[in-house]
Amino acid sequence: MKFSKNELNVIYQNAAPTKAETLAGMKEIVPVIKDILTKAIVENAIRKLEKIPEPECS
């Protein structure tokens, strides 16, 4: 799975001890993002991260 630099930045900014916690934090911010491009980046990162199995994700 290839992540863009911006997607990786979003993941690092929301990094938590587990994949589930990281995803929950990212999903929590989506509704408050006003910038369309930023919102798309976060949503794409979420979709990609959800597809990665837990052992590989860590």
N, C-alpha and C. Protein backbone atom coordinates (compact mmCIF):
# COMPACT_ATOMS: atom_id res chain seq x y z
N MET A 1 0.85 -1.18 0.00
CA MET A 1 0.00 0.00 0.00
C MET A 1 0.90 1.24 0.00
N LYS A 2 0.66 2.11 -0.93
CA LYS A 2 1.44 3.35 -1.03
C LYS A 2 0.65 4.51 -0.44
N PHE A 3 1.28 5.21 0.47
CA PHE A 3 0.70 6.40 1.07
C PHE A 3 1.43 7.62 0.53
N SER A 4 0.68 8.70 0.30
CA SER A 4 1.32 9.96 -0.09
C SER A 4 1.99 10.55 1.15
N LYS A 5 2.86 11.51 0.91
CA LYS A 5 3.54 12.17 2.02
C LYS A 5 2.52 12.83 2.96
N ASN A 6 1.51 13.45 2.39
CA ASN A 6 0.48 14.10 3.21
C ASN A 6 -0.32 13.09 4.02
N GLU A 7 -0.62 11.94 3.43
CA GLU A 7 -1.35 10.90 4.15
C GLU A 7 -0.51 10.38 5.32
N LEU A 8 0.77 10.17 5.07
CA LEU A 8 1.65 9.73 6.16
C LEU A 8 1.72 10.77 7.28
N ASN A 9 1.75 12.04 6.92
CA ASN A 9 1.77 13.09 7.93
C ASN A 9 0.52 13.04 8.81
N VAL A 10 -0.63 12.82 8.20
CA VAL A 10 -1.88 12.72 8.95
C VAL A 10 -1.83 11.53 9.90
N ILE A 11 -1.33 10.40 9.41
CA ILE A 11 -1.24 9.20 10.24
C ILE A 11 -0.29 9.43 11.42
N TYR A 12 0.87 10.03 11.15
CA TYR A 12 1.83 10.30 12.22
C TYR A 12 1.27 11.27 13.25
N GLN A 13 0.52 12.26 12.80
CA GLN A 13 -0.05 13.26 13.71
C GLN A 13 -1.11 12.64 14.61
N ASN A 14 -1.74 11.58 14.14
CA ASN A 14 -2.81 10.94 14.91
C ASN A 14 -2.40 9.58 15.46
N ALA A 15 -1.12 9.29 15.40
CA ALA A 15 -0.63 7.98 15.83
C ALA A 15 -1.00 7.69 17.28
N ALA A 16 -1.46 6.47 17.49
CA ALA A 16 -1.84 6.00 18.82
C ALA A 16 -1.22 4.60 18.98
N PRO A 17 -1.31 4.04 20.18
CA PRO A 17 -0.69 2.73 20.41
C PRO A 17 -1.22 1.61 19.51
N THR A 18 -2.48 1.70 19.08
CA THR A 18 -3.02 0.64 18.23
C THR A 18 -3.59 1.23 16.93
N LYS A 19 -3.75 0.35 15.97
CA LYS A 19 -4.33 0.76 14.69
C LYS A 19 -5.75 1.29 14.91
N ALA A 20 -6.53 0.59 15.72
CA ALA A 20 -7.92 0.98 15.98
C ALA A 20 -7.99 2.38 16.59
N GLU A 21 -7.11 2.66 17.52
CA GLU A 21 -7.10 3.97 18.17
C GLU A 21 -6.66 5.07 17.19
N THR A 22 -5.72 4.75 16.35
CA THR A 22 -5.27 5.71 15.33
C THR A 22 -6.41 6.02 14.38
N LEU A 23 -7.09 4.98 13.91
CA LEU A 23 -8.21 5.18 13.00
C LEU A 23 -9.34 5.96 13.68
N ALA A 24 -9.62 5.65 14.93
CA ALA A 24 -10.68 6.36 15.65
C ALA A 24 -10.37 7.85 15.75
N GLY A 25 -9.12 8.17 16.04
CA GLY A 25 -8.73 9.57 16.13
C GLY A 25 -8.85 10.28 14.80
N MET A 26 -8.48 9.61 13.74
CA MET A 26 -8.57 10.20 12.41
C MET A 26 -10.03 10.40 12.00
N LYS A 27 -10.87 9.41 12.28
CA LYS A 27 -12.29 9.51 11.93
C LYS A 27 -12.97 10.62 12.73
N GLU A 28 -12.48 10.85 13.92
CA GLU A 28 -13.06 11.89 14.79
C GLU A 28 -12.84 13.29 14.23
N ILE A 29 -11.73 13.50 13.54
CA ILE A 29 -11.44 14.85 13.04
C ILE A 29 -12.08 15.15 11.68
N VAL A 30 -12.47 14.12 10.94
CA VAL A 30 -13.01 14.33 9.59
C VAL A 30 -14.19 15.33 9.58
N PRO A 31 -15.18 15.19 10.46
CA PRO A 31 -16.33 16.10 10.38
C PRO A 31 -16.00 17.58 10.62
N VAL A 32 -14.90 17.86 11.29
CA VAL A 32 -14.58 19.26 11.59
C VAL A 32 -13.59 19.89 10.60
N ILE A 33 -13.10 19.11 9.66
CA ILE A 33 -12.16 19.64 8.66
C ILE A 33 -12.95 20.44 7.63
N LYS A 34 -12.59 21.69 7.48
CA LYS A 34 -13.30 22.57 6.54
C LYS A 34 -12.70 22.54 5.14
N ASP A 35 -11.39 22.37 5.04
CA ASP A 35 -10.71 22.38 3.75
C ASP A 35 -10.99 21.07 3.01
N ILE A 36 -11.51 21.16 1.81
CA ILE A 36 -11.89 19.98 1.03
C ILE A 36 -10.70 19.09 0.72
N LEU A 37 -9.58 19.67 0.36
CA LEU A 37 -8.38 18.88 0.03
C LEU A 37 -7.86 18.13 1.26
N THR A 38 -7.80 18.82 2.38
CA THR A 38 -7.34 18.18 3.62
C THR A 38 -8.27 17.05 4.02
N LYS A 39 -9.57 17.29 3.88
CA LYS A 39 -10.55 16.26 4.22
C LYS A 39 -10.35 15.03 3.33
N ALA A 40 -10.11 15.23 2.05
CA ALA A 40 -9.89 14.12 1.12
C ALA A 40 -8.63 13.34 1.49
N ILE A 41 -7.59 14.05 1.88
CA ILE A 41 -6.33 13.39 2.27
C ILE A 41 -6.57 12.50 3.49
N VAL A 42 -7.27 13.02 4.48
CA VAL A 42 -7.54 12.25 5.70
C VAL A 42 -8.41 11.04 5.38
N GLU A 43 -9.45 11.24 4.58
CA GLU A 43 -10.33 10.13 4.23
C GLU A 43 -9.59 9.05 3.44
N ASN A 44 -8.72 9.46 2.53
CA ASN A 44 -7.92 8.48 1.77
C ASN A 44 -6.98 7.71 2.69
N ALA A 45 -6.36 8.41 3.62
CA ALA A 45 -5.46 7.76 4.57
C ALA A 45 -6.22 6.74 5.42
N ILE A 46 -7.42 7.10 5.84
CA ILE A 46 -8.25 6.18 6.63
C ILE A 46 -8.56 4.92 5.82
N ARG A 47 -9.01 5.10 4.59
CA ARG A 47 -9.36 3.94 3.74
C ARG A 47 -8.16 3.02 3.53
N LYS A 48 -7.02 3.60 3.27
CA LYS A 48 -5.82 2.79 3.04
C LYS A 48 -5.38 2.08 4.31
N LEU A 49 -5.40 2.79 5.43
CA LEU A 49 -4.97 2.21 6.70
C LEU A 49 -5.89 1.08 7.13
N GLU A 50 -7.19 1.20 6.85
CA GLU A 50 -8.14 0.14 7.21
C GLU A 50 -7.84 -1.16 6.47
N LYS A 51 -7.26 -1.08 5.28
CA LYS A 51 -6.98 -2.26 4.48
C LYS A 51 -5.72 -3.02 4.91
N ILE A 52 -4.89 -2.38 5.71
CA ILE A 52 -3.64 -3.01 6.13
C ILE A 52 -3.89 -3.88 7.36
N PRO A 53 -3.48 -5.14 7.34
CA PRO A 53 -3.66 -6.02 8.51
C PRO A 53 -2.86 -5.51 9.71
N GLU A 54 -3.35 -5.79 10.88
CA GLU A 54 -2.76 -5.29 12.13
C GLU A 54 -1.26 -5.56 12.27
N PRO A 55 -0.78 -6.78 12.07
CA PRO A 55 0.68 -6.99 12.27
C PRO A 55 1.52 -6.13 11.33
N GLU A 56 1.08 -6.01 10.09
CA GLU A 56 1.82 -5.22 9.12
C GLU A 56 1.71 -3.73 9.43
N CYS A 57 0.59 -3.34 9.98
CA CYS A 57 0.31 -1.94 10.27
C CYS A 57 1.27 -1.36 11.32
N SER A 58 1.60 -2.14 12.31
CA SER A 58 2.45 -1.63 13.38
C SER A 58 3.85 -1.41 12.87
